[in-house]
Amino acid sequence: MDYDAVGPAEFGASLRGIGLNLLVRDVTAHCTLLKTVFGIEAFQPTADFAILRYGDQVFQIHSDATYATNPLLGLLPEAPPRGAGIEIRLYDTDPDEAVVRGEEAGMHVLQPPTDKPHGLREAYLLCPDGYAWVPSRAL
């Protein structure tokens, strides 16, 4: 699929399985952060929406304003963090490199790269919207 040209109806109809959509305060800034730190590609980024791709995985981000009539908007906290409890795991990203880039980009390191007993080296980085991004590699 050509994510640079696909229309909303065709894109929506193509989605299958489990989807991930993050609500963020600033779509443009979030796209830049995710590209800089994790190499995530953004397609059709606007002030309100972007299609994102990490490897073969596609997900979306929307601005809060796009959810004006959505019941979820009323549940968002007024003060960060808003993403508490969700881990977005990026299994093909070197955690040591991601932490360096993340710190330079203003992310908060919750946990530095650590070898875990479940066979992964991983780190925890918080973005400005409070989501926990977990770059991971097999040991």
N, C-alpha and C. Protein backbone atom coordinates (compact mmCIF):
# COMPACT_ATOMS: atom_id res chain seq x y z
N MET A 1 0.84 -1.17 0.00
CA MET A 1 0.00 0.00 0.00
C MET A 1 0.89 1.24 0.00
N ASP A 2 0.51 2.23 -0.77
CA ASP A 2 1.24 3.49 -0.82
C ASP A 2 0.71 4.40 0.28
N TYR A 3 1.36 4.40 1.42
CA TYR A 3 0.90 5.18 2.56
C TYR A 3 0.99 6.68 2.33
N ASP A 4 1.78 7.11 1.36
CA ASP A 4 1.86 8.53 1.04
C ASP A 4 0.64 9.02 0.27
N ALA A 5 -0.08 8.09 -0.37
CA ALA A 5 -1.19 8.51 -1.24
C ALA A 5 -2.54 7.95 -0.84
N VAL A 6 -2.59 6.94 0.02
CA VAL A 6 -3.85 6.28 0.35
C VAL A 6 -4.83 7.26 1.01
N GLY A 7 -6.10 7.14 0.63
CA GLY A 7 -7.14 7.98 1.23
C GLY A 7 -7.62 7.39 2.54
N PRO A 8 -8.31 8.20 3.35
CA PRO A 8 -8.77 7.74 4.65
C PRO A 8 -9.66 6.50 4.60
N ALA A 9 -10.61 6.45 3.69
CA ALA A 9 -11.53 5.31 3.63
C ALA A 9 -10.80 4.03 3.25
N GLU A 10 -9.91 4.11 2.26
CA GLU A 10 -9.16 2.93 1.85
C GLU A 10 -8.21 2.47 2.95
N PHE A 11 -7.54 3.43 3.61
CA PHE A 11 -6.63 3.08 4.69
C PHE A 11 -7.41 2.41 5.83
N GLY A 12 -8.49 3.01 6.25
CA GLY A 12 -9.30 2.45 7.33
C GLY A 12 -9.79 1.05 7.02
N ALA A 13 -10.24 0.84 5.78
CA ALA A 13 -10.76 -0.48 5.39
C ALA A 13 -9.65 -1.52 5.33
N SER A 14 -8.40 -1.11 5.21
CA SER A 14 -7.29 -2.05 5.09
C SER A 14 -6.80 -2.57 6.44
N LEU A 15 -7.18 -1.92 7.53
CA LEU A 15 -6.65 -2.28 8.84
C LEU A 15 -7.21 -3.60 9.33
N ARG A 16 -6.34 -4.43 9.90
CA ARG A 16 -6.72 -5.76 10.39
C ARG A 16 -6.00 -6.03 11.71
N GLY A 17 -6.46 -7.05 12.41
CA GLY A 17 -5.78 -7.47 13.63
C GLY A 17 -5.93 -6.45 14.74
N ILE A 18 -4.86 -6.21 15.45
CA ILE A 18 -4.85 -5.24 16.55
C ILE A 18 -4.25 -3.94 16.04
N GLY A 19 -4.88 -2.84 16.38
CA GLY A 19 -4.39 -1.53 15.96
C GLY A 19 -3.91 -0.72 17.15
N LEU A 20 -3.00 0.18 16.87
CA LEU A 20 -2.48 1.09 17.87
C LEU A 20 -2.69 2.50 17.36
N ASN A 21 -3.33 3.33 18.16
CA ASN A 21 -3.53 4.74 17.85
C ASN A 21 -3.23 5.53 19.11
N LEU A 22 -2.28 6.44 19.02
CA LEU A 22 -1.91 7.25 20.17
C LEU A 22 -2.43 8.66 20.01
N LEU A 23 -3.02 9.19 21.07
CA LEU A 23 -3.42 10.59 21.08
C LEU A 23 -2.26 11.41 21.61
N VAL A 24 -1.86 12.43 20.85
CA VAL A 24 -0.72 13.26 21.22
C VAL A 24 -1.08 14.74 21.11
N ARG A 25 -0.37 15.54 21.85
CA ARG A 25 -0.61 16.98 21.82
C ARG A 25 -0.13 17.62 20.52
N ASP A 26 0.99 17.12 19.97
CA ASP A 26 1.60 17.74 18.80
C ASP A 26 2.06 16.63 17.84
N VAL A 27 1.27 16.38 16.80
CA VAL A 27 1.57 15.30 15.86
C VAL A 27 2.92 15.52 15.17
N THR A 28 3.16 16.71 14.70
CA THR A 28 4.41 17.00 13.98
C THR A 28 5.63 16.74 14.86
N ALA A 29 5.60 17.23 16.08
CA ALA A 29 6.72 17.03 17.00
C ALA A 29 6.89 15.55 17.33
N HIS A 30 5.78 14.84 17.50
CA HIS A 30 5.86 13.42 17.83
C HIS A 30 6.44 12.62 16.67
N CYS A 31 6.06 12.96 15.44
CA CYS A 31 6.63 12.29 14.26
C CYS A 31 8.13 12.49 14.21
N THR A 32 8.58 13.71 14.46
CA THR A 32 10.01 14.02 14.44
C THR A 32 10.73 13.22 15.52
N LEU A 33 10.17 13.18 16.72
CA LEU A 33 10.78 12.44 17.82
C LEU A 33 10.91 10.96 17.48
N LEU A 34 9.85 10.35 16.99
CA LEU A 34 9.86 8.92 16.69
C LEU A 34 10.82 8.58 15.55
N LYS A 35 10.94 9.46 14.57
CA LYS A 35 11.90 9.26 13.48
C LYS A 35 13.33 9.36 14.00
N THR A 36 13.59 10.38 14.81
CA THR A 36 14.93 10.63 15.33
C THR A 36 15.42 9.51 16.23
N VAL A 37 14.57 9.06 17.13
CA VAL A 37 14.99 8.10 18.15
C VAL A 37 14.89 6.66 17.67
N PHE A 38 13.80 6.32 16.95
CA PHE A 38 13.56 4.91 16.62
C PHE A 38 13.54 4.62 15.12
N GLY A 39 13.70 5.63 14.27
CA GLY A 39 13.67 5.41 12.83
C GLY A 39 12.27 5.12 12.29
N ILE A 40 11.24 5.48 13.03
CA ILE A 40 9.86 5.24 12.60
C ILE A 40 9.50 6.21 11.49
N GLU A 41 8.94 5.66 10.40
CA GLU A 41 8.56 6.48 9.25
C GLU A 41 7.16 7.06 9.42
N ALA A 42 6.98 8.32 9.04
CA ALA A 42 5.67 8.97 9.08
C ALA A 42 5.19 9.21 7.65
N PHE A 43 3.91 8.94 7.42
CA PHE A 43 3.30 9.15 6.12
C PHE A 43 2.11 10.08 6.28
N GLN A 44 1.98 11.01 5.35
CA GLN A 44 0.91 12.00 5.33
C GLN A 44 0.78 12.75 6.66
N PRO A 45 1.89 13.15 7.27
CA PRO A 45 1.76 13.85 8.55
C PRO A 45 1.12 15.22 8.38
N THR A 46 0.15 15.51 9.22
CA THR A 46 -0.48 16.82 9.27
C THR A 46 -0.48 17.24 10.74
N ALA A 47 -1.09 18.37 11.04
CA ALA A 47 -1.20 18.81 12.42
C ALA A 47 -2.11 17.88 13.23
N ASP A 48 -2.95 17.09 12.53
CA ASP A 48 -3.94 16.27 13.22
C ASP A 48 -3.71 14.77 13.15
N PHE A 49 -2.89 14.27 12.22
CA PHE A 49 -2.85 12.83 11.97
C PHE A 49 -1.58 12.43 11.25
N ALA A 50 -1.14 11.20 11.48
CA ALA A 50 -0.06 10.61 10.69
C ALA A 50 -0.20 9.10 10.73
N ILE A 51 0.14 8.47 9.61
CA ILE A 51 0.30 7.03 9.54
C ILE A 51 1.77 6.76 9.84
N LEU A 52 2.06 5.83 10.74
CA LEU A 52 3.43 5.53 11.12
C LEU A 52 3.73 4.07 10.81
N ARG A 53 4.99 3.82 10.43
CA ARG A 53 5.41 2.45 10.16
C ARG A 53 6.73 2.18 10.85
N TYR A 54 6.74 1.07 11.60
CA TYR A 54 7.95 0.55 12.25
C TYR A 54 8.13 -0.85 11.73
N GLY A 55 9.12 -1.06 10.87
CA GLY A 55 9.28 -2.36 10.21
C GLY A 55 8.05 -2.64 9.37
N ASP A 56 7.38 -3.76 9.64
CA ASP A 56 6.16 -4.11 8.92
C ASP A 56 4.90 -3.67 9.65
N GLN A 57 5.05 -3.05 10.81
CA GLN A 57 3.91 -2.66 11.64
C GLN A 57 3.46 -1.24 11.32
N VAL A 58 2.16 -1.07 11.17
CA VAL A 58 1.58 0.24 10.89
C VAL A 58 0.72 0.65 12.07
N PHE A 59 0.86 1.90 12.48
CA PHE A 59 -0.01 2.43 13.52
C PHE A 59 -0.27 3.90 13.23
N GLN A 60 -1.05 4.55 14.08
CA GLN A 60 -1.46 5.92 13.83
C GLN A 60 -1.26 6.80 15.05
N ILE A 61 -1.13 8.09 14.81
CA ILE A 61 -1.24 9.07 15.89
C ILE A 61 -2.24 10.13 15.43
N HIS A 62 -2.99 10.62 16.39
CA HIS A 62 -3.97 11.68 16.15
C HIS A 62 -3.76 12.78 17.19
N SER A 63 -4.09 13.99 16.82
CA SER A 63 -4.07 15.08 17.79
C SER A 63 -5.33 14.99 18.65
N ASP A 64 -5.26 15.58 19.83
CA ASP A 64 -6.43 15.61 20.70
C ASP A 64 -7.63 16.23 20.00
N ALA A 65 -7.40 17.25 19.18
CA ALA A 65 -8.50 17.96 18.51
C ALA A 65 -9.33 17.06 17.61
N THR A 66 -8.73 16.02 17.06
CA THR A 66 -9.48 15.12 16.18
C THR A 66 -10.46 14.25 16.97
N TYR A 67 -10.33 14.23 18.28
CA TYR A 67 -11.19 13.40 19.12
C TYR A 67 -12.27 14.23 19.82
N ALA A 68 -12.59 15.40 19.30
CA ALA A 68 -13.55 16.31 19.94
C ALA A 68 -14.89 15.65 20.23
N THR A 69 -15.35 14.74 19.38
CA THR A 69 -16.63 14.06 19.61
C THR A 69 -16.45 12.62 20.06
N ASN A 70 -15.23 12.23 20.38
CA ASN A 70 -14.94 10.86 20.81
C ASN A 70 -15.05 10.78 22.33
N PRO A 71 -15.69 9.75 22.88
CA PRO A 71 -15.83 9.67 24.34
C PRO A 71 -14.51 9.51 25.07
N LEU A 72 -13.46 9.06 24.42
CA LEU A 72 -12.17 8.87 25.06
C LEU A 72 -11.54 10.19 25.49
N LEU A 73 -11.79 11.26 24.75
CA LEU A 73 -11.15 12.54 25.04
C LEU A 73 -11.41 13.00 26.47
N GLY A 74 -12.60 12.78 26.97
CA GLY A 74 -12.93 13.20 28.33
C GLY A 74 -12.17 12.45 29.41
N LEU A 75 -11.56 11.34 29.07
CA LEU A 75 -10.81 10.56 30.04
C LEU A 75 -9.33 10.92 30.10
N LEU A 76 -8.86 11.72 29.14
CA LEU A 76 -7.44 12.09 29.14
C LEU A 76 -7.14 13.01 30.31
N PRO A 77 -6.05 12.76 31.02
CA PRO A 77 -5.69 13.65 32.13
C PRO A 77 -5.25 15.01 31.60
N GLU A 78 -5.54 16.04 32.38
CA GLU A 78 -5.12 17.39 31.97
C GLU A 78 -3.62 17.57 32.12
N ALA A 79 -3.02 16.87 33.07
CA ALA A 79 -1.58 16.96 33.29
C ALA A 79 -0.94 15.62 32.93
N PRO A 80 0.25 15.65 32.35
CA PRO A 80 0.93 14.39 32.03
C PRO A 80 1.28 13.63 33.29
N PRO A 81 1.59 12.34 33.21
CA PRO A 81 1.64 11.57 31.97
C PRO A 81 0.27 11.04 31.60
N ARG A 82 0.02 10.93 30.32
CA ARG A 82 -1.26 10.42 29.86
C ARG A 82 -1.17 8.98 29.41
N GLY A 83 -0.01 8.44 29.15
CA GLY A 83 0.12 7.10 28.62
C GLY A 83 0.45 6.05 29.67
N ALA A 84 0.23 6.36 30.94
CA ALA A 84 0.61 5.43 32.01
C ALA A 84 -0.03 4.06 31.81
N GLY A 85 0.80 3.05 31.94
CA GLY A 85 0.31 1.68 31.87
C GLY A 85 0.48 1.01 30.53
N ILE A 86 0.87 1.74 29.51
CA ILE A 86 1.09 1.11 28.21
C ILE A 86 2.58 1.12 27.90
N GLU A 87 3.05 -0.01 27.40
CA GLU A 87 4.43 -0.12 26.91
C GLU A 87 4.36 -0.34 25.41
N ILE A 88 5.05 0.46 24.66
CA ILE A 88 5.13 0.28 23.22
C ILE A 88 6.50 -0.31 22.95
N ARG A 89 6.51 -1.60 22.67
CA ARG A 89 7.76 -2.35 22.56
C ARG A 89 8.24 -2.38 21.12
N LEU A 90 9.48 -1.98 20.94
CA LEU A 90 10.11 -1.94 19.62
C LEU A 90 11.24 -2.96 19.62
N TYR A 91 10.91 -4.18 19.20
CA TYR A 91 11.84 -5.31 19.33
C TYR A 91 13.02 -5.27 18.37
N ASP A 92 13.00 -4.39 17.42
CA ASP A 92 14.11 -4.32 16.45
C ASP A 92 14.92 -3.03 16.59
N THR A 93 14.96 -2.46 17.79
CA THR A 93 15.69 -1.21 18.02
C THR A 93 16.72 -1.43 19.13
N ASP A 94 17.95 -1.09 18.86
CA ASP A 94 19.02 -1.22 19.85
C ASP A 94 18.75 -0.26 21.02
N PRO A 95 18.58 -0.76 22.23
CA PRO A 95 18.26 0.12 23.35
C PRO A 95 19.39 1.07 23.72
N ASP A 96 20.63 0.65 23.56
CA ASP A 96 21.74 1.54 23.90
C ASP A 96 21.77 2.75 22.98
N GLU A 97 21.58 2.52 21.69
CA GLU A 97 21.56 3.63 20.73
C GLU A 97 20.32 4.50 20.92
N ALA A 98 19.18 3.86 21.18
CA ALA A 98 17.94 4.61 21.35
C ALA A 98 17.99 5.53 22.57
N VAL A 99 18.62 5.09 23.65
CA VAL A 99 18.72 5.92 24.84
C VAL A 99 19.54 7.18 24.56
N VAL A 100 20.63 7.02 23.84
CA VAL A 100 21.45 8.19 23.50
C VAL A 100 20.64 9.18 22.68
N ARG A 101 19.99 8.67 21.63
CA ARG A 101 19.18 9.55 20.77
C ARG A 101 17.99 10.12 21.54
N GLY A 102 17.38 9.29 22.39
CA GLY A 102 16.23 9.74 23.17
C GLY A 102 16.57 10.87 24.12
N GLU A 103 17.68 10.72 24.83
CA GLU A 103 18.11 11.80 25.74
C GLU A 103 18.38 13.08 24.97
N GLU A 104 19.04 12.96 23.83
CA GLU A 104 19.32 14.15 23.00
C GLU A 104 18.03 14.80 22.50
N ALA A 105 16.99 13.99 22.30
CA ALA A 105 15.71 14.50 21.80
C ALA A 105 14.76 14.92 22.91
N GLY A 106 15.19 14.80 24.17
CA GLY A 106 14.38 15.27 25.28
C GLY A 106 13.48 14.22 25.93
N MET A 107 13.69 12.95 25.61
CA MET A 107 12.92 11.91 26.28
C MET A 107 13.51 11.65 27.66
N HIS A 108 12.67 11.17 28.56
CA HIS A 108 13.10 10.85 29.92
C HIS A 108 13.42 9.35 29.99
N VAL A 109 14.60 9.03 30.46
CA VAL A 109 15.00 7.63 30.60
C VAL A 109 14.49 7.11 31.94
N LEU A 110 13.49 6.24 31.87
CA LEU A 110 12.97 5.61 33.09
C LEU A 110 13.88 4.48 33.55
N GLN A 111 14.43 3.75 32.57
CA GLN A 111 15.35 2.66 32.88
C GLN A 111 16.40 2.60 31.78
N PRO A 112 17.67 2.66 32.15
CA PRO A 112 18.72 2.54 31.14
C PRO A 112 18.74 1.14 30.55
N PRO A 113 19.47 0.93 29.48
CA PRO A 113 19.55 -0.41 28.88
C PRO A 113 19.97 -1.44 29.93
N THR A 114 19.18 -2.51 30.00
CA THR A 114 19.37 -3.54 31.01
C THR A 114 19.12 -4.91 30.41
N ASP A 115 20.00 -5.87 30.72
CA ASP A 115 19.78 -7.26 30.30
C ASP A 115 18.75 -7.86 31.23
N LYS A 116 17.68 -8.42 30.67
CA LYS A 116 16.57 -8.95 31.46
C LYS A 116 16.56 -10.47 31.41
N PRO A 117 16.02 -11.11 32.44
CA PRO A 117 15.98 -12.57 32.48
C PRO A 117 15.09 -13.19 31.40
N HIS A 118 14.22 -12.41 30.78
CA HIS A 118 13.37 -12.95 29.72
C HIS A 118 14.05 -12.89 28.35
N GLY A 119 15.38 -12.68 28.33
CA GLY A 119 16.14 -12.81 27.09
C GLY A 119 16.27 -11.56 26.25
N LEU A 120 15.92 -10.42 26.82
CA LEU A 120 16.01 -9.17 26.06
C LEU A 120 16.89 -8.16 26.79
N ARG A 121 17.55 -7.32 26.02
CA ARG A 121 18.18 -6.10 26.54
C ARG A 121 17.21 -5.00 26.16
N GLU A 122 16.76 -4.24 27.15
CA GLU A 122 15.74 -3.24 26.89
C GLU A 122 15.95 -2.01 27.75
N ALA A 123 15.34 -0.92 27.32
CA ALA A 123 15.35 0.33 28.07
C ALA A 123 13.93 0.88 28.06
N TYR A 124 13.65 1.78 28.97
CA TYR A 124 12.34 2.45 29.01
C TYR A 124 12.55 3.94 28.84
N LEU A 125 11.92 4.50 27.81
CA LEU A 125 11.99 5.92 27.52
C LEU A 125 10.57 6.50 27.54
N LEU A 126 10.40 7.61 28.23
CA LEU A 126 9.10 8.30 28.24
C LEU A 126 9.14 9.46 27.27
N CYS A 127 8.14 9.53 26.39
CA CYS A 127 8.02 10.68 25.49
C CYS A 127 7.26 11.79 26.21
N PRO A 128 7.21 13.00 25.64
CA PRO A 128 6.52 14.10 26.30
C PRO A 128 5.03 13.84 26.57
N ASP A 129 4.41 12.93 25.82
CA ASP A 129 3.00 12.61 26.06
C ASP A 129 2.84 11.49 27.09
N GLY A 130 3.94 10.99 27.66
CA GLY A 130 3.87 10.04 28.74
C GLY A 130 3.82 8.58 28.34
N TYR A 131 3.98 8.27 27.05
CA TYR A 131 3.99 6.88 26.63
C TYR A 131 5.37 6.27 26.88
N ALA A 132 5.39 5.02 27.31
CA ALA A 132 6.64 4.31 27.56
C ALA A 132 7.03 3.56 26.29
N TRP A 133 8.12 3.98 25.68
CA TRP A 133 8.68 3.33 24.50
C TRP A 133 9.80 2.43 24.99
N VAL A 134 9.77 1.15 24.57
CA VAL A 134 10.71 0.16 25.08
C VAL A 134 11.50 -0.45 23.92
N PRO A 135 12.64 0.18 23.57
CA PRO A 135 13.49 -0.44 22.55
C PRO A 135 14.12 -1.70 23.13
N SER A 136 14.10 -2.76 22.34
CA SER A 136 14.56 -4.07 22.82
C SER A 136 15.32 -4.83 21.75
N ARG A 137 16.26 -5.64 22.20
CA ARG A 137 17.00 -6.57 21.35
C ARG A 137 17.18 -7.88 22.10
N ALA A 138 17.18 -8.97 21.36
CA ALA A 138 17.47 -10.25 21.99
C ALA A 138 18.91 -10.28 22.48
N LEU A 139 19.12 -10.94 23.61
CA LEU A 139 20.48 -11.06 24.15
C LEU A 139 21.29 -12.04 23.32
